[in-house]
Amino acid sequence: MPSVFSHAIAAVALGGVAVGGRSRMRIWVLGALCAVSPDLDAITSYLFRIRYGAMLGHRGISHSILFAVLLATAVTVGVRRAWPESPRAAKLWCFFFAATASHGLLDAMTNGGLGVAFFAHARYFLPWRPILVSPLSAQVFFGTRKGLRVMWSELGWIWLPAALVFLVGLALRQPTYSRRLPSVETSREPPDPS
């Protein structure tokens, strides 16, 4: 799996393209939380001693498309109730779904693990897997060369493309120069001779 940081960065990049308005920052944060939430299965797997390859194990049902649908629906309902001025429900749902589903997609692009249970019954990888798999241990991630190599890999394969997507999204939201110019109205009075 990529690190939780990279999953969150990818979601915020999607938010920069998909969601604007006054409540956008809060919605981007929720999108980032949706993007990292599938990895809660690593904690529950450890606490309840669930086998990695089981449906409830790491990269199992919480990484599925069904999970993304259900989480996007729940978060969209909550956002629309809490912040009625937020974007339309369909737009929010698409963003939260894409943010959550991006987790499995990025995990399927790593070079380790058992694959991702997109359909909750079998594990899959994408044919192209350039991202180094992140260690689950924070001590290994932050205290070894392996952690540095993982961050370098994620910088090139996730962070830089995400930054580009985010900046393009922001640029597309900015009004064009011609819309900011004051309109010039023509007058029917003759020009002043002085």
N, C-alpha and C. Protein backbone atom coordinates (compact mmCIF):
# COMPACT_ATOMS: atom_id res chain seq x y z
N MET A 1 0.83 -1.18 0.00
CA MET A 1 0.00 0.00 0.00
C MET A 1 0.87 1.23 0.00
N PRO A 2 0.45 2.28 -0.64
CA PRO A 2 1.11 3.57 -0.44
C PRO A 2 0.84 4.04 0.99
N SER A 3 1.58 5.00 1.47
CA SER A 3 1.38 5.51 2.83
C SER A 3 0.06 6.27 2.93
N VAL A 4 -0.41 6.44 4.16
CA VAL A 4 -1.65 7.17 4.36
C VAL A 4 -1.53 8.60 3.85
N PHE A 5 -0.32 9.15 3.90
CA PHE A 5 -0.11 10.51 3.41
C PHE A 5 -0.43 10.61 1.92
N SER A 6 0.02 9.62 1.17
CA SER A 6 -0.19 9.64 -0.28
C SER A 6 -1.66 9.43 -0.64
N HIS A 7 -2.34 8.58 0.12
CA HIS A 7 -3.78 8.40 -0.13
C HIS A 7 -4.52 9.72 0.10
N ALA A 8 -4.17 10.43 1.16
CA ALA A 8 -4.82 11.71 1.46
C ALA A 8 -4.49 12.76 0.40
N ILE A 9 -3.24 12.81 -0.04
CA ILE A 9 -2.83 13.77 -1.08
C ILE A 9 -3.61 13.53 -2.37
N ALA A 10 -3.77 12.26 -2.75
CA ALA A 10 -4.52 11.94 -3.97
C ALA A 10 -5.97 12.42 -3.86
N ALA A 11 -6.58 12.25 -2.69
CA ALA A 11 -7.97 12.68 -2.51
C ALA A 11 -8.10 14.20 -2.58
N VAL A 12 -7.17 14.92 -1.98
CA VAL A 12 -7.23 16.39 -2.04
C VAL A 12 -7.04 16.87 -3.47
N ALA A 13 -6.20 16.20 -4.24
CA ALA A 13 -6.03 16.56 -5.65
C ALA A 13 -7.34 16.38 -6.40
N LEU A 14 -8.03 15.28 -6.13
CA LEU A 14 -9.35 15.08 -6.75
C LEU A 14 -10.32 16.18 -6.32
N GLY A 15 -10.25 16.56 -5.06
CA GLY A 15 -11.12 17.63 -4.56
C GLY A 15 -10.87 18.95 -5.23
N GLY A 16 -9.60 19.23 -5.54
CA GLY A 16 -9.27 20.48 -6.23
C GLY A 16 -9.93 20.58 -7.59
N VAL A 17 -10.16 19.43 -8.21
CA VAL A 17 -10.82 19.41 -9.52
C VAL A 17 -12.34 19.37 -9.36
N ALA A 18 -12.82 18.59 -8.40
CA ALA A 18 -14.24 18.27 -8.33
C ALA A 18 -15.09 19.19 -7.47
N VAL A 19 -14.51 19.77 -6.42
CA VAL A 19 -15.33 20.47 -5.43
C VAL A 19 -14.82 21.88 -5.20
N GLY A 20 -15.70 22.83 -5.37
CA GLY A 20 -15.38 24.22 -5.07
C GLY A 20 -16.37 24.75 -4.06
N GLY A 21 -16.43 26.04 -3.92
CA GLY A 21 -17.39 26.66 -3.01
C GLY A 21 -16.80 26.95 -1.64
N ARG A 22 -17.62 27.56 -0.80
CA ARG A 22 -17.15 27.98 0.52
C ARG A 22 -16.77 26.82 1.43
N SER A 23 -17.44 25.70 1.30
CA SER A 23 -17.18 24.57 2.20
C SER A 23 -16.14 23.60 1.64
N ARG A 24 -15.43 24.01 0.59
CA ARG A 24 -14.52 23.08 -0.10
C ARG A 24 -13.43 22.52 0.80
N MET A 25 -12.84 23.32 1.67
CA MET A 25 -11.75 22.82 2.53
C MET A 25 -12.24 21.69 3.42
N ARG A 26 -13.40 21.89 4.04
CA ARG A 26 -13.95 20.84 4.91
C ARG A 26 -14.24 19.59 4.10
N ILE A 27 -14.74 19.77 2.90
CA ILE A 27 -15.08 18.63 2.06
C ILE A 27 -13.80 17.92 1.60
N TRP A 28 -12.75 18.67 1.31
CA TRP A 28 -11.47 18.05 0.92
C TRP A 28 -10.92 17.22 2.08
N VAL A 29 -11.04 17.74 3.31
CA VAL A 29 -10.57 16.98 4.48
C VAL A 29 -11.37 15.69 4.62
N LEU A 30 -12.68 15.77 4.44
CA LEU A 30 -13.50 14.55 4.50
C LEU A 30 -13.11 13.58 3.39
N GLY A 31 -12.81 14.10 2.21
CA GLY A 31 -12.36 13.24 1.12
C GLY A 31 -11.06 12.54 1.47
N ALA A 32 -10.13 13.28 2.11
CA ALA A 32 -8.87 12.67 2.53
C ALA A 32 -9.12 11.58 3.57
N LEU A 33 -10.05 11.81 4.49
CA LEU A 33 -10.39 10.78 5.47
C LEU A 33 -11.03 9.57 4.81
N CYS A 34 -11.87 9.81 3.80
CA CYS A 34 -12.44 8.68 3.04
C CYS A 34 -11.33 7.88 2.37
N ALA A 35 -10.34 8.57 1.85
CA ALA A 35 -9.25 7.91 1.12
C ALA A 35 -8.38 7.06 2.03
N VAL A 36 -8.21 7.45 3.28
CA VAL A 36 -7.37 6.65 4.18
C VAL A 36 -8.16 5.62 4.97
N SER A 37 -9.48 5.77 5.03
CA SER A 37 -10.30 4.87 5.86
C SER A 37 -10.20 3.39 5.50
N PRO A 38 -10.01 2.98 4.24
CA PRO A 38 -9.89 1.55 3.99
C PRO A 38 -8.75 0.87 4.76
N ASP A 39 -7.72 1.62 5.13
CA ASP A 39 -6.61 1.02 5.85
C ASP A 39 -6.89 0.81 7.33
N LEU A 40 -8.07 1.19 7.80
CA LEU A 40 -8.44 0.85 9.17
C LEU A 40 -8.49 -0.67 9.33
N ASP A 41 -8.63 -1.38 8.22
CA ASP A 41 -8.64 -2.85 8.31
C ASP A 41 -7.31 -3.40 8.79
N ALA A 42 -6.23 -2.67 8.63
CA ALA A 42 -4.93 -3.12 9.15
C ALA A 42 -4.96 -3.15 10.68
N ILE A 43 -5.63 -2.17 11.27
CA ILE A 43 -5.74 -2.11 12.74
C ILE A 43 -6.68 -3.20 13.23
N THR A 44 -7.86 -3.31 12.62
CA THR A 44 -8.82 -4.33 13.07
C THR A 44 -8.28 -5.73 12.83
N SER A 45 -7.55 -5.92 11.75
CA SER A 45 -6.94 -7.23 11.49
C SER A 45 -5.96 -7.60 12.60
N TYR A 46 -5.19 -6.62 13.04
CA TYR A 46 -4.22 -6.87 14.10
C TYR A 46 -4.94 -7.14 15.43
N LEU A 47 -5.92 -6.28 15.76
CA LEU A 47 -6.61 -6.42 17.04
C LEU A 47 -7.38 -7.74 17.15
N PHE A 48 -8.03 -8.13 16.07
CA PHE A 48 -8.87 -9.33 16.10
C PHE A 48 -8.19 -10.55 15.47
N ARG A 49 -6.91 -10.39 15.14
CA ARG A 49 -6.11 -11.49 14.58
C ARG A 49 -6.77 -12.11 13.34
N ILE A 50 -7.19 -11.23 12.44
CA ILE A 50 -7.81 -11.67 11.19
C ILE A 50 -6.70 -11.91 10.17
N ARG A 51 -6.75 -13.03 9.51
CA ARG A 51 -5.75 -13.38 8.50
C ARG A 51 -5.75 -12.35 7.38
N TYR A 52 -4.56 -11.98 6.91
CA TYR A 52 -4.39 -10.97 5.86
C TYR A 52 -5.28 -11.27 4.64
N GLY A 53 -5.27 -12.50 4.16
CA GLY A 53 -5.99 -12.84 2.94
C GLY A 53 -7.49 -13.04 3.11
N ALA A 54 -8.01 -12.92 4.34
CA ALA A 54 -9.45 -13.08 4.58
C ALA A 54 -10.21 -11.88 4.03
N MET A 55 -11.51 -12.05 3.85
CA MET A 55 -12.33 -10.95 3.32
C MET A 55 -12.29 -9.72 4.24
N LEU A 56 -12.22 -9.96 5.56
CA LEU A 56 -12.13 -8.85 6.51
C LEU A 56 -10.69 -8.47 6.82
N GLY A 57 -9.73 -9.12 6.18
CA GLY A 57 -8.32 -8.82 6.37
C GLY A 57 -7.90 -7.58 5.60
N HIS A 58 -6.61 -7.27 5.71
CA HIS A 58 -6.08 -6.08 5.04
C HIS A 58 -6.24 -6.19 3.52
N ARG A 59 -6.67 -5.11 2.92
CA ARG A 59 -6.96 -5.01 1.48
C ARG A 59 -8.14 -5.89 1.07
N GLY A 60 -9.00 -6.19 2.03
CA GLY A 60 -10.18 -6.99 1.77
C GLY A 60 -11.40 -6.13 1.45
N ILE A 61 -12.51 -6.41 2.11
CA ILE A 61 -13.80 -5.77 1.82
C ILE A 61 -13.73 -4.25 1.95
N SER A 62 -12.90 -3.74 2.86
CA SER A 62 -12.81 -2.28 3.04
C SER A 62 -12.15 -1.59 1.84
N HIS A 63 -11.53 -2.36 0.97
CA HIS A 63 -10.92 -1.80 -0.24
C HIS A 63 -11.79 -2.04 -1.47
N SER A 64 -12.99 -2.54 -1.25
CA SER A 64 -13.86 -2.91 -2.37
C SER A 64 -14.63 -1.71 -2.92
N ILE A 65 -15.16 -1.89 -4.09
CA ILE A 65 -16.01 -0.86 -4.71
C ILE A 65 -17.28 -0.68 -3.90
N LEU A 66 -17.82 -1.78 -3.35
CA LEU A 66 -19.02 -1.70 -2.51
C LEU A 66 -18.77 -0.81 -1.30
N PHE A 67 -17.63 -0.97 -0.66
CA PHE A 67 -17.29 -0.12 0.49
C PHE A 67 -17.24 1.34 0.06
N ALA A 68 -16.64 1.64 -1.09
CA ALA A 68 -16.57 3.02 -1.58
C ALA A 68 -17.95 3.59 -1.82
N VAL A 69 -18.86 2.77 -2.37
CA VAL A 69 -20.24 3.21 -2.61
C VAL A 69 -20.93 3.54 -1.29
N LEU A 70 -20.82 2.65 -0.31
CA LEU A 70 -21.50 2.84 0.97
C LEU A 70 -20.93 4.02 1.75
N LEU A 71 -19.61 4.13 1.78
CA LEU A 71 -19.00 5.25 2.50
C LEU A 71 -19.33 6.58 1.82
N ALA A 72 -19.27 6.63 0.51
CA ALA A 72 -19.60 7.87 -0.22
C ALA A 72 -21.04 8.29 0.06
N THR A 73 -21.93 7.33 0.12
CA THR A 73 -23.34 7.63 0.38
C THR A 73 -23.51 8.19 1.79
N ALA A 74 -22.91 7.54 2.79
CA ALA A 74 -23.04 7.99 4.17
C ALA A 74 -22.44 9.38 4.37
N VAL A 75 -21.27 9.62 3.82
CA VAL A 75 -20.61 10.92 3.99
C VAL A 75 -21.37 12.01 3.25
N THR A 76 -21.88 11.71 2.06
CA THR A 76 -22.66 12.69 1.31
C THR A 76 -23.91 13.11 2.08
N VAL A 77 -24.62 12.14 2.65
CA VAL A 77 -25.82 12.47 3.44
C VAL A 77 -25.43 13.35 4.62
N GLY A 78 -24.35 13.01 5.31
CA GLY A 78 -23.90 13.82 6.45
C GLY A 78 -23.51 15.23 6.05
N VAL A 79 -22.81 15.37 4.96
CA VAL A 79 -22.38 16.70 4.51
C VAL A 79 -23.58 17.54 4.10
N ARG A 80 -24.50 16.99 3.37
CA ARG A 80 -25.67 17.77 2.92
C ARG A 80 -26.51 18.22 4.12
N ARG A 81 -26.56 17.41 5.17
CA ARG A 81 -27.30 17.82 6.37
C ARG A 81 -26.54 18.88 7.16
N ALA A 82 -25.24 18.70 7.29
CA ALA A 82 -24.43 19.62 8.10
C ALA A 82 -24.18 20.95 7.39
N TRP A 83 -23.94 20.90 6.10
CA TRP A 83 -23.60 22.11 5.34
C TRP A 83 -24.49 22.20 4.10
N PRO A 84 -25.72 22.70 4.25
CA PRO A 84 -26.63 22.76 3.10
C PRO A 84 -26.10 23.60 1.94
N GLU A 85 -25.15 24.51 2.21
CA GLU A 85 -24.60 25.34 1.13
C GLU A 85 -23.56 24.60 0.31
N SER A 86 -23.25 23.38 0.69
CA SER A 86 -22.24 22.60 -0.04
C SER A 86 -22.74 22.24 -1.44
N PRO A 87 -21.84 21.76 -2.30
CA PRO A 87 -22.26 21.40 -3.67
C PRO A 87 -23.37 20.35 -3.69
N ARG A 88 -23.93 20.15 -4.87
CA ARG A 88 -25.02 19.19 -5.05
C ARG A 88 -24.61 17.80 -4.54
N ALA A 89 -25.61 17.03 -4.13
CA ALA A 89 -25.35 15.70 -3.58
C ALA A 89 -24.66 14.80 -4.60
N ALA A 90 -25.06 14.87 -5.86
CA ALA A 90 -24.44 14.00 -6.88
C ALA A 90 -22.96 14.30 -7.03
N LYS A 91 -22.62 15.57 -7.02
CA LYS A 91 -21.21 15.97 -7.15
C LYS A 91 -20.40 15.51 -5.94
N LEU A 92 -20.96 15.71 -4.74
CA LEU A 92 -20.30 15.26 -3.52
C LEU A 92 -20.10 13.75 -3.54
N TRP A 93 -21.15 13.02 -3.90
CA TRP A 93 -21.06 11.57 -3.89
C TRP A 93 -19.96 11.09 -4.85
N CYS A 94 -19.91 11.68 -6.02
CA CYS A 94 -18.86 11.29 -6.98
C CYS A 94 -17.48 11.56 -6.40
N PHE A 95 -17.30 12.68 -5.73
CA PHE A 95 -16.00 13.00 -5.14
C PHE A 95 -15.65 12.00 -4.04
N PHE A 96 -16.58 11.77 -3.11
CA PHE A 96 -16.29 10.86 -2.00
C PHE A 96 -16.08 9.42 -2.49
N PHE A 97 -16.83 9.03 -3.51
CA PHE A 97 -16.62 7.70 -4.08
C PHE A 97 -15.23 7.60 -4.72
N ALA A 98 -14.87 8.59 -5.52
CA ALA A 98 -13.56 8.58 -6.20
C ALA A 98 -12.43 8.61 -5.17
N ALA A 99 -12.59 9.42 -4.11
CA ALA A 99 -11.55 9.50 -3.08
C ALA A 99 -11.37 8.14 -2.40
N THR A 100 -12.47 7.50 -2.04
CA THR A 100 -12.39 6.20 -1.36
C THR A 100 -11.87 5.12 -2.31
N ALA A 101 -12.39 5.08 -3.52
CA ALA A 101 -11.97 4.06 -4.49
C ALA A 101 -10.52 4.25 -4.93
N SER A 102 -10.02 5.50 -4.86
CA SER A 102 -8.63 5.73 -5.26
C SER A 102 -7.67 4.96 -4.36
N HIS A 103 -8.10 4.67 -3.15
CA HIS A 103 -7.24 3.91 -2.23
C HIS A 103 -6.91 2.53 -2.80
N GLY A 104 -7.93 1.80 -3.18
CA GLY A 104 -7.71 0.48 -3.76
C GLY A 104 -6.92 0.55 -5.05
N LEU A 105 -7.22 1.55 -5.86
CA LEU A 105 -6.51 1.71 -7.14
C LEU A 105 -5.01 1.91 -6.91
N LEU A 106 -4.66 2.79 -5.97
CA LEU A 106 -3.25 3.02 -5.67
C LEU A 106 -2.60 1.78 -5.05
N ASP A 107 -3.33 1.10 -4.18
CA ASP A 107 -2.79 -0.14 -3.59
C ASP A 107 -2.53 -1.19 -4.67
N ALA A 108 -3.38 -1.24 -5.67
CA ALA A 108 -3.21 -2.22 -6.75
C ALA A 108 -2.03 -1.87 -7.65
N MET A 109 -1.47 -0.68 -7.48
CA MET A 109 -0.30 -0.27 -8.26
C MET A 109 1.00 -0.46 -7.49
N THR A 110 0.94 -1.10 -6.31
CA THR A 110 2.15 -1.33 -5.54
C THR A 110 2.79 -2.67 -5.90
N ASN A 111 4.02 -2.81 -5.49
CA ASN A 111 4.77 -4.02 -5.83
C ASN A 111 4.75 -5.08 -4.73
N GLY A 112 3.81 -5.01 -3.79
CA GLY A 112 3.78 -5.98 -2.70
C GLY A 112 2.38 -6.25 -2.19
N GLY A 113 2.29 -7.23 -1.31
CA GLY A 113 1.01 -7.58 -0.72
C GLY A 113 0.31 -8.67 -1.52
N LEU A 114 -0.96 -8.87 -1.18
CA LEU A 114 -1.75 -9.94 -1.82
C LEU A 114 -2.72 -9.43 -2.89
N GLY A 115 -2.71 -8.18 -3.18
CA GLY A 115 -3.66 -7.63 -4.15
C GLY A 115 -4.82 -6.98 -3.42
N VAL A 116 -5.77 -6.47 -4.17
CA VAL A 116 -6.89 -5.71 -3.63
C VAL A 116 -8.21 -6.41 -3.99
N ALA A 117 -9.09 -6.51 -3.02
CA ALA A 117 -10.38 -7.17 -3.21
C ALA A 117 -11.41 -6.16 -3.73
N PHE A 118 -11.25 -5.72 -4.96
CA PHE A 118 -12.18 -4.73 -5.53
C PHE A 118 -13.62 -5.23 -5.50
N PHE A 119 -13.82 -6.52 -5.73
CA PHE A 119 -15.17 -7.09 -5.79
C PHE A 119 -15.43 -7.98 -4.58
N ALA A 120 -14.60 -7.85 -3.55
CA ALA A 120 -14.75 -8.50 -2.25
C ALA A 120 -14.58 -10.01 -2.27
N HIS A 121 -14.20 -10.62 -3.35
CA HIS A 121 -14.05 -12.08 -3.34
C HIS A 121 -12.70 -12.55 -3.87
N ALA A 122 -12.03 -11.79 -4.66
CA ALA A 122 -10.72 -12.16 -5.20
C ALA A 122 -9.81 -10.95 -5.11
N ARG A 123 -8.51 -11.17 -5.15
CA ARG A 123 -7.54 -10.08 -5.04
C ARG A 123 -6.94 -9.79 -6.41
N TYR A 124 -6.76 -8.50 -6.67
CA TYR A 124 -6.25 -8.07 -7.97
C TYR A 124 -5.12 -7.06 -7.81
N PHE A 125 -4.23 -7.06 -8.78
CA PHE A 125 -3.24 -6.01 -8.96
C PHE A 125 -3.47 -5.45 -10.36
N LEU A 126 -3.01 -4.23 -10.59
CA LEU A 126 -3.00 -3.69 -11.94
C LEU A 126 -1.76 -4.24 -12.65
N PRO A 127 -1.78 -4.29 -13.98
CA PRO A 127 -0.62 -4.81 -14.70
C PRO A 127 0.64 -3.95 -14.49
N TRP A 128 0.47 -2.67 -14.24
CA TRP A 128 1.59 -1.75 -14.06
C TRP A 128 1.67 -1.42 -12.57
N ARG A 129 2.78 -1.74 -11.91
CA ARG A 129 2.90 -1.60 -10.46
C ARG A 129 4.19 -0.87 -10.08
N PRO A 130 4.28 0.43 -10.34
CA PRO A 130 5.54 1.15 -10.10
C PRO A 130 5.75 1.63 -8.66
N ILE A 131 4.71 1.63 -7.82
CA ILE A 131 4.80 2.21 -6.48
C ILE A 131 5.35 1.18 -5.50
N LEU A 132 6.38 1.55 -4.75
CA LEU A 132 6.90 0.65 -3.72
C LEU A 132 5.89 0.52 -2.59
N VAL A 133 5.69 -0.71 -2.13
CA VAL A 133 4.72 -0.95 -1.06
C VAL A 133 5.27 -0.37 0.25
N SER A 134 4.40 0.30 1.00
CA SER A 134 4.78 0.94 2.25
C SER A 134 4.72 -0.07 3.39
N PRO A 135 5.68 -0.03 4.31
CA PRO A 135 5.60 -0.92 5.46
C PRO A 135 4.46 -0.49 6.37
N LEU A 136 3.83 -1.45 7.04
CA LEU A 136 2.74 -1.14 7.95
C LEU A 136 3.26 -0.54 9.27
N SER A 137 4.49 -0.83 9.60
CA SER A 137 5.08 -0.36 10.85
C SER A 137 5.58 1.08 10.70
N ALA A 138 5.13 1.97 11.61
CA ALA A 138 5.60 3.36 11.58
C ALA A 138 7.09 3.43 11.87
N GLN A 139 7.58 2.53 12.72
CA GLN A 139 9.00 2.51 13.05
C GLN A 139 9.84 2.19 11.82
N VAL A 140 9.39 1.22 11.02
CA VAL A 140 10.11 0.88 9.79
C VAL A 140 9.97 2.01 8.78
N PHE A 141 8.77 2.58 8.68
CA PHE A 141 8.52 3.63 7.69
C PHE A 141 9.38 4.86 7.97
N PHE A 142 9.41 5.31 9.23
CA PHE A 142 10.12 6.54 9.55
C PHE A 142 11.58 6.33 9.96
N GLY A 143 11.96 5.09 10.28
CA GLY A 143 13.29 4.88 10.82
C GLY A 143 14.26 4.10 9.97
N THR A 144 13.91 3.81 8.72
CA THR A 144 14.82 3.01 7.90
C THR A 144 14.95 3.60 6.50
N ARG A 145 15.93 3.08 5.77
CA ARG A 145 16.10 3.49 4.38
C ARG A 145 14.91 3.05 3.53
N LYS A 146 14.28 1.94 3.91
CA LYS A 146 13.12 1.48 3.15
C LYS A 146 12.02 2.54 3.15
N GLY A 147 11.79 3.17 4.30
CA GLY A 147 10.81 4.25 4.38
C GLY A 147 11.15 5.40 3.46
N LEU A 148 12.42 5.75 3.38
CA LEU A 148 12.86 6.82 2.48
C LEU A 148 12.63 6.44 1.01
N ARG A 149 12.94 5.19 0.67
CA ARG A 149 12.72 4.73 -0.71
C ARG A 149 11.23 4.75 -1.06
N VAL A 150 10.39 4.36 -0.10
CA VAL A 150 8.94 4.40 -0.33
C VAL A 150 8.47 5.83 -0.56
N MET A 151 8.92 6.77 0.28
CA MET A 151 8.51 8.16 0.12
C MET A 151 9.00 8.73 -1.21
N TRP A 152 10.21 8.37 -1.62
CA TRP A 152 10.73 8.83 -2.91
C TRP A 152 9.86 8.30 -4.05
N SER A 153 9.48 7.03 -3.96
CA SER A 153 8.61 6.42 -4.97
C SER A 153 7.25 7.12 -5.01
N GLU A 154 6.69 7.38 -3.84
CA GLU A 154 5.38 8.04 -3.77
C GLU A 154 5.45 9.49 -4.24
N LEU A 155 6.57 10.14 -3.98
CA LEU A 155 6.74 11.52 -4.45
C LEU A 155 6.63 11.58 -5.97
N GLY A 156 7.30 10.66 -6.64
CA GLY A 156 7.27 10.66 -8.10
C GLY A 156 5.99 10.12 -8.71
N TRP A 157 5.43 9.09 -8.11
CA TRP A 157 4.27 8.43 -8.73
C TRP A 157 2.93 8.93 -8.23
N ILE A 158 2.89 9.61 -7.07
CA ILE A 158 1.60 10.07 -6.53
C ILE A 158 1.60 11.57 -6.27
N TRP A 159 2.56 12.06 -5.48
CA TRP A 159 2.52 13.45 -5.04
C TRP A 159 2.67 14.44 -6.18
N LEU A 160 3.64 14.25 -7.05
CA LEU A 160 3.82 15.21 -8.16
C LEU A 160 2.64 15.18 -9.13
N PRO A 161 2.17 14.00 -9.56
CA PRO A 161 0.97 14.01 -10.41
C PRO A 161 -0.25 14.59 -9.70
N ALA A 162 -0.38 14.32 -8.39
CA ALA A 162 -1.51 14.88 -7.63
C ALA A 162 -1.42 16.40 -7.58
N ALA A 163 -0.22 16.93 -7.39
CA ALA A 163 -0.05 18.39 -7.37
C ALA A 163 -0.43 18.99 -8.71
N LEU A 164 -0.04 18.34 -9.78
CA LEU A 164 -0.39 18.83 -11.11
C LEU A 164 -1.91 18.82 -11.31
N VAL A 165 -2.56 17.73 -10.93
CA VAL A 165 -4.02 17.64 -11.05
C VAL A 165 -4.68 18.73 -10.21
N PHE A 166 -4.21 18.93 -8.99
CA PHE A 166 -4.76 19.94 -8.10
C PHE A 166 -4.63 21.34 -8.70
N LEU A 167 -3.45 21.66 -9.19
CA LEU A 167 -3.22 23.00 -9.76
C LEU A 167 -4.06 23.22 -11.02
N VAL A 168 -4.19 22.20 -11.85
CA VAL A 168 -5.04 22.32 -13.03
C VAL A 168 -6.49 22.54 -12.60
N GLY A 169 -6.92 21.79 -11.59
CA GLY A 169 -8.28 21.97 -11.08
C GLY A 169 -8.53 23.38 -10.58
N LEU A 170 -7.57 23.92 -9.85
CA LEU A 170 -7.72 25.30 -9.36
C LEU A 170 -7.72 26.29 -10.51
N ALA A 171 -6.87 26.06 -11.49
CA ALA A 171 -6.79 26.98 -12.65
C ALA A 171 -8.11 26.97 -13.42
N LEU A 172 -8.71 25.82 -13.53
CA LEU A 172 -9.98 25.73 -14.25
C LEU A 172 -11.12 26.42 -13.50
N ARG A 173 -10.98 26.56 -12.21
CA ARG A 173 -12.01 27.21 -11.40
C ARG A 173 -11.90 28.73 -11.43
N GLN A 174 -10.73 29.28 -11.77
CA GLN A 174 -10.52 30.71 -11.76
C GLN A 174 -11.29 31.36 -12.92
N PRO A 175 -11.91 32.50 -12.65
CA PRO A 175 -12.59 33.19 -13.75
C PRO A 175 -11.58 33.66 -14.78
N THR A 176 -12.00 33.68 -16.00
CA THR A 176 -11.09 34.14 -17.05
C THR A 176 -10.95 35.65 -16.99
N TYR A 177 -9.90 36.18 -17.59
CA TYR A 177 -9.61 37.60 -17.55
C TYR A 177 -10.75 38.41 -18.15
N SER A 178 -11.33 37.93 -19.23
CA SER A 178 -12.39 38.70 -19.90
C SER A 178 -13.63 38.84 -19.03
N ARG A 179 -13.87 37.86 -18.13
CA ARG A 179 -15.04 37.96 -17.25
C ARG A 179 -14.81 38.97 -16.14
N ARG A 180 -13.56 39.28 -15.82
CA ARG A 180 -13.27 40.20 -14.73
C ARG A 180 -13.26 41.66 -15.18
N LEU A 181 -13.18 41.92 -16.47
CA LEU A 181 -13.16 43.29 -16.96
C LEU A 181 -14.54 43.91 -16.80
N PRO A 182 -14.58 45.16 -16.38
CA PRO A 182 -15.89 45.82 -16.28
C PRO A 182 -16.48 45.98 -17.67
N SER A 183 -17.77 45.89 -17.73
CA SER A 183 -18.41 46.04 -19.04
C SER A 183 -18.44 47.51 -19.42
N VAL A 184 -18.28 47.79 -20.70
CA VAL A 184 -18.29 49.16 -21.21
C VAL A 184 -19.62 49.35 -21.93
N GLU A 185 -20.37 50.32 -21.43
CA GLU A 185 -21.66 50.58 -22.05
C GLU A 185 -21.50 51.75 -23.02
N THR A 186 -22.16 51.65 -24.14
CA THR A 186 -22.10 52.74 -25.12
C THR A 186 -23.14 53.79 -24.76
N SER A 187 -22.74 55.01 -24.91
CA SER A 187 -23.63 56.12 -24.59
C SER A 187 -24.19 56.71 -25.88
N ARG A 188 -25.42 57.20 -25.80
CA ARG A 188 -26.04 57.80 -26.98
C ARG A 188 -25.80 59.31 -27.03
N GLU A 189 -25.17 59.87 -26.01
CA GLU A 189 -24.91 61.31 -26.01
C GLU A 189 -23.68 61.60 -26.86
N PRO A 190 -23.66 62.75 -27.54
CA PRO A 190 -22.50 63.11 -28.35
C PRO A 190 -21.30 63.37 -27.46
N PRO A 191 -20.10 63.17 -27.96
CA PRO A 191 -18.91 63.41 -27.15
C PRO A 191 -18.76 64.89 -26.78
N ASP A 192 -18.14 65.16 -25.67
CA ASP A 192 -17.91 66.52 -25.20
C ASP A 192 -16.81 67.15 -26.06
N PRO A 193 -17.08 68.32 -26.71
CA PRO A 193 -16.11 68.92 -27.62
C PRO A 193 -14.87 69.48 -26.91
N SER A 194 -14.86 69.71 -25.63
CA SER A 194 -13.71 70.32 -24.96
C SER A 194 -12.62 69.37 -24.70
